[in-house]
Amino acid sequence: MKSAERILNLAPTRWTMAIGWSLLLTLFLLQPEADPIIDLGLPRGDSTLAREAFFSGLHLLAFAVTCALWFYALRGGSDRLKPLLAALGIAIVLGVITEALQSLTLDRYPSFIDLLANIAGALFAARLIWSRGLPRLPR
């Protein structure tokens, strides 16, 4: 178990996880709903309050994970504020850009509610990280 933990704490591993997740999330958010590249099995149908709440929850979770992974990739020394602010910025910018780019897809559209969920998820993760603190990476 120690070797797996050691691998996860290597900077290239942390960066690969953050970049890989961001690229995968971008693909999920920009792929067509009618003919997705990667079918997630998410329900299709008319826009109802329950459906919008479900998808907003997914956006919130996805951007909380984005912020957390970027913080994990960027952290290093004892300073937690700079990597946390950078991770928060990356997650929010990614959320804004992907929502804006949805206007260029065939069957997707930008949603103000999704944008708010993206930002809220990033802020939630940042607040949780800041309040809990994390152990320092081994040297």
C-alpha atoms as a PDB file:
ATOM      1  CA  MET A   1       0.000   0.000   0.000  1.00  0.00           C
ATOM      2  CA  LYS A   2       2.892   2.359   0.665  1.00  0.00           C
ATOM      3  CA  SER A   3       4.102   2.167  -2.960  1.00  0.00           C
ATOM      4  CA  ALA A   4       0.669   3.114  -4.342  1.00  0.00           C
ATOM      5  CA  GLU A   5       0.500   6.023  -1.909  1.00  0.00           C
ATOM      6  CA  ARG A   6       3.986   7.095  -2.934  1.00  0.00           C
ATOM      7  CA  ILE A   7       3.033   7.000  -6.644  1.00  0.00           C
ATOM      8  CA  LEU A   8      -0.112   9.061  -5.989  1.00  0.00           C
ATOM      9  CA  ASN A   9       1.987  11.698  -4.243  1.00  0.00           C
ATOM     10  CA  LEU A  10       4.401  12.138  -7.146  1.00  0.00           C
ATOM     11  CA  ALA A  11       3.964  15.482  -8.909  1.00  0.00           C
ATOM     12  CA  PRO A  12       3.623  13.932 -12.412  1.00  0.00           C
ATOM     13  CA  THR A  13       0.849  11.650 -11.146  1.00  0.00           C
ATOM     14  CA  ARG A  14      -1.004  14.523  -9.493  1.00  0.00           C
ATOM     15  CA  TRP A  15      -0.709  16.680 -12.645  1.00  0.00           C
ATOM     16  CA  THR A  16      -1.816  13.811 -14.881  1.00  0.00           C
ATOM     17  CA  MET A  17      -4.897  13.259 -12.730  1.00  0.00           C
ATOM     18  CA  ALA A  18      -5.875  16.961 -12.787  1.00  0.00           C
ATOM     19  CA  ILE A  19      -5.283  17.428 -16.510  1.00  0.00           C
ATOM     20  CA  GLY A  20      -6.886  14.098 -17.422  1.00  0.00           C
ATOM     21  CA  TRP A  21      -9.982  14.828 -15.355  1.00  0.00           C
ATOM     22  CA  SER A  22     -10.289  18.337 -16.835  1.00  0.00           C
ATOM     23  CA  LEU A  23     -10.055  16.995 -20.384  1.00  0.00           C
ATOM     24  CA  LEU A  24     -12.565  14.227 -19.681  1.00  0.00           C
ATOM     25  CA  LEU A  25     -14.979  16.667 -18.045  1.00  0.00           C
ATOM     26  CA  THR A  26     -14.656  19.021 -21.017  1.00  0.00           C
ATOM     27  CA  LEU A  27     -15.481  16.136 -23.357  1.00  0.00           C
ATOM     28  CA  PHE A  28     -18.530  15.182 -21.283  1.00  0.00           C
ATOM     29  CA  LEU A  29     -19.804  18.764 -21.233  1.00  0.00           C
ATOM     30  CA  LEU A  30     -19.281  19.439 -24.938  1.00  0.00           C
ATOM     31  CA  GLN A  31     -20.249  16.133 -26.534  1.00  0.00           C
ATOM     32  CA  PRO A  32     -23.634  15.947 -28.265  1.00  0.00           C
ATOM     33  CA  GLU A  33     -26.470  14.653 -26.134  1.00  0.00           C
ATOM     34  CA  ALA A  34     -28.162  12.812 -29.006  1.00  0.00           C
ATOM     35  CA  ASP A  35     -25.052  10.902 -30.119  1.00  0.00           C
ATOM     36  CA  PRO A  36     -22.457  11.070 -27.317  1.00  0.00           C
ATOM     37  CA  ILE A  37     -18.877   9.929 -27.812  1.00  0.00           C
ATOM     38  CA  ILE A  38     -18.962   8.392 -24.330  1.00  0.00           C
ATOM     39  CA  ASP A  39     -22.493   7.433 -23.316  1.00  0.00           C
ATOM     40  CA  LEU A  40     -22.873   7.954 -19.581  1.00  0.00           C
ATOM     41  CA  GLY A  41     -26.370   6.506 -19.545  1.00  0.00           C
ATOM     42  CA  LEU A  42     -27.801   9.763 -18.243  1.00  0.00           C
ATOM     43  CA  PRO A  43     -31.534  10.231 -18.668  1.00  0.00           C
ATOM     44  CA  ARG A  44     -32.712  12.108 -21.736  1.00  0.00           C
ATOM     45  CA  GLY A  45     -35.970  13.909 -22.012  1.00  0.00           C
ATOM     46  CA  ASP A  46     -37.827  17.124 -21.549  1.00  0.00           C
ATOM     47  CA  SER A  47     -36.490  19.772 -19.238  1.00  0.00           C
ATOM     48  CA  THR A  48     -38.244  19.308 -15.918  1.00  0.00           C
ATOM     49  CA  LEU A  49     -37.386  20.719 -12.521  1.00  0.00           C
ATOM     50  CA  ALA A  50     -36.243  17.287 -11.292  1.00  0.00           C
ATOM     51  CA  ARG A  51     -34.042  16.751 -14.374  1.00  0.00           C
ATOM     52  CA  GLU A  52     -32.461  20.195 -14.063  1.00  0.00           C
ATOM     53  CA  ALA A  53     -31.817  19.659 -10.340  1.00  0.00           C
ATOM     54  CA  PHE A  54     -30.185  16.298 -11.077  1.00  0.00           C
ATOM     55  CA  PHE A  55     -27.876  17.771 -13.731  1.00  0.00           C
ATOM     56  CA  SER A  56     -27.067  20.791 -11.587  1.00  0.00           C
ATOM     57  CA  GLY A  57     -26.039  18.405  -8.833  1.00  0.00           C
ATOM     58  CA  LEU A  58     -23.745  16.622 -11.279  1.00  0.00           C
ATOM     59  CA  HIS A  59     -22.215  19.950 -12.300  1.00  0.00           C
ATOM     60  CA  LEU A  60     -21.676  20.880  -8.651  1.00  0.00           C
ATOM     61  CA  LEU A  61     -19.965  17.571  -7.923  1.00  0.00           C
ATOM     62  CA  ALA A  62     -17.861  17.635 -11.102  1.00  0.00           C
ATOM     63  CA  PHE A  63     -16.459  21.088 -10.416  1.00  0.00           C
ATOM     64  CA  ALA A  64     -15.848  20.323  -6.754  1.00  0.00           C
ATOM     65  CA  VAL A  65     -13.726  17.381  -7.923  1.00  0.00           C
ATOM     66  CA  THR A  66     -12.015  19.642 -10.477  1.00  0.00           C
ATOM     67  CA  CYS A  67     -11.023  22.168  -7.818  1.00  0.00           C
ATOM     68  CA  ALA A  68      -9.836  19.444  -5.448  1.00  0.00           C
ATOM     69  CA  LEU A  69      -7.727  17.696  -8.096  1.00  0.00           C
ATOM     70  CA  TRP A  70      -6.095  20.930  -9.215  1.00  0.00           C
ATOM     71  CA  PHE A  71      -5.326  21.829  -5.603  1.00  0.00           C
ATOM     72  CA  TYR A  72      -3.803  18.383  -5.161  1.00  0.00           C
ATOM     73  CA  ALA A  73      -1.711  18.909  -8.314  1.00  0.00           C
ATOM     74  CA  LEU A  74      -0.538  22.397  -7.374  1.00  0.00           C
ATOM     75  CA  ARG A  75       0.161  22.031  -3.672  1.00  0.00           C
ATOM     76  CA  GLY A  76       3.692  21.493  -2.592  1.00  0.00           C
ATOM     77  CA  GLY A  77       5.105  23.450   0.284  1.00  0.00           C
ATOM     78  CA  SER A  78       3.511  24.823   3.393  1.00  0.00           C
ATOM     79  CA  ASP A  79       1.625  27.590   1.542  1.00  0.00           C
ATOM     80  CA  ARG A  80      -1.922  26.400   0.890  1.00  0.00           C
ATOM     81  CA  LEU A  81      -3.487  29.700  -0.127  1.00  0.00           C
ATOM     82  CA  LYS A  82      -1.782  30.207  -3.510  1.00  0.00           C
ATOM     83  CA  PRO A  83      -2.414  26.668  -4.797  1.00  0.00           C
ATOM     84  CA  LEU A  84      -5.989  26.812  -3.502  1.00  0.00           C
ATOM     85  CA  LEU A  85      -6.696  30.129  -5.228  1.00  0.00           C
ATOM     86  CA  ALA A  86      -5.102  28.841  -8.441  1.00  0.00           C
ATOM     87  CA  ALA A  87      -7.168  25.629  -8.289  1.00  0.00           C
ATOM     88  CA  LEU A  88     -10.325  27.634  -7.642  1.00  0.00           C
ATOM     89  CA  GLY A  89      -9.517  29.900 -10.590  1.00  0.00           C
ATOM     90  CA  ILE A  90      -8.842  26.981 -12.915  1.00  0.00           C
ATOM     91  CA  ALA A  91     -12.117  25.275 -11.949  1.00  0.00           C
ATOM     92  CA  ILE A  92     -14.172  28.451 -12.368  1.00  0.00           C
ATOM     93  CA  VAL A  93     -12.564  29.356 -15.706  1.00  0.00           C
ATOM     94  CA  LEU A  94     -13.115  25.809 -16.969  1.00  0.00           C
ATOM     95  CA  GLY A  95     -16.756  26.020 -15.879  1.00  0.00           C
ATOM     96  CA  VAL A  96     -17.298  29.346 -17.635  1.00  0.00           C
ATOM     97  CA  ILE A  97     -15.526  28.260 -20.827  1.00  0.00           C
ATOM     98  CA  THR A  98     -17.345  24.936 -21.131  1.00  0.00           C
ATOM     99  CA  GLU A  99     -20.720  26.593 -20.582  1.00  0.00           C
ATOM    100  CA  ALA A 100     -19.918  29.221 -23.223  1.00  0.00           C
ATOM    101  CA  LEU A 101     -18.677  26.600 -25.702  1.00  0.00           C
ATOM    102  CA  GLN A 102     -21.917  24.654 -25.366  1.00  0.00           C
ATOM    103  CA  SER A 103     -23.495  27.338 -27.545  1.00  0.00           C
ATOM    104  CA  LEU A 104     -21.330  26.029 -30.415  1.00  0.00           C
ATOM    105  CA  THR A 105     -22.531  22.424 -30.115  1.00  0.00           C
ATOM    106  CA  LEU A 106     -25.405  20.935 -32.100  1.00  0.00           C
ATOM    107  CA  ASP A 107     -27.829  20.040 -29.345  1.00  0.00           C
ATOM    108  CA  ARG A 108     -26.527  21.630 -26.168  1.00  0.00           C
ATOM    109  CA  TYR A 109     -26.905  25.118 -24.832  1.00  0.00           C
ATOM    110  CA  PRO A 110     -25.317  27.179 -22.074  1.00  0.00           C
ATOM    111  CA  SER A 111     -27.283  27.360 -18.877  1.00  0.00           C
ATOM    112  CA  PHE A 112     -26.998  30.022 -16.197  1.00  0.00           C
ATOM    113  CA  ILE A 113     -28.067  27.455 -13.589  1.00  0.00           C
ATOM    114  CA  ASP A 114     -25.293  25.089 -14.707  1.00  0.00           C
ATOM    115  CA  LEU A 115     -22.802  27.957 -14.589  1.00  0.00           C
ATOM    116  CA  LEU A 116     -23.854  28.746 -11.022  1.00  0.00           C
ATOM    117  CA  ALA A 117     -23.551  25.062 -10.112  1.00  0.00           C
ATOM    118  CA  ASN A 118     -20.047  24.939 -11.631  1.00  0.00           C
ATOM    119  CA  ILE A 119     -18.939  27.941  -9.588  1.00  0.00           C
ATOM    120  CA  ALA A 120     -20.697  26.720  -6.437  1.00  0.00           C
ATOM    121  CA  GLY A 121     -19.017  23.313  -6.713  1.00  0.00           C
ATOM    122  CA  ALA A 122     -15.573  24.896  -7.032  1.00  0.00           C
ATOM    123  CA  LEU A 123     -16.266  27.249  -4.108  1.00  0.00           C
ATOM    124  CA  PHE A 124     -17.604  24.385  -1.981  1.00  0.00           C
ATOM    125  CA  ALA A 125     -14.458  22.319  -2.550  1.00  0.00           C
ATOM    126  CA  ALA A 126     -12.201  25.306  -1.863  1.00  0.00           C
ATOM    127  CA  ARG A 127     -14.025  26.067   1.374  1.00  0.00           C
ATOM    128  CA  LEU A 128     -13.837  22.444   2.466  1.00  0.00           C
ATOM    129  CA  ILE A 129     -10.120  22.222   1.652  1.00  0.00           C
ATOM    130  CA  TRP A 130      -9.384  25.470   3.470  1.00  0.00           C
ATOM    131  CA  SER A 131     -11.380  24.599   6.581  1.00  0.00           C
ATOM    132  CA  ARG A 132     -10.116  21.045   6.962  1.00  0.00           C
ATOM    133  CA  GLY A 133      -6.513  21.509   6.017  1.00  0.00           C
ATOM    134  CA  LEU A 134      -4.571  18.710   4.422  1.00  0.00           C
ATOM    135  CA  PRO A 135      -1.411  16.934   5.468  1.00  0.00           C
ATOM    136  CA  ARG A 136       1.786  18.016   3.819  1.00  0.00           C
ATOM    137  CA  LEU A 137       3.149  15.946   0.983  1.00  0.00           C
ATOM    138  CA  PRO A 138       6.037  13.683   1.967  1.00  0.00           C
ATOM    139  CA  ARG A 139       9.447  14.868   0.855  1.00  0.00           C
END
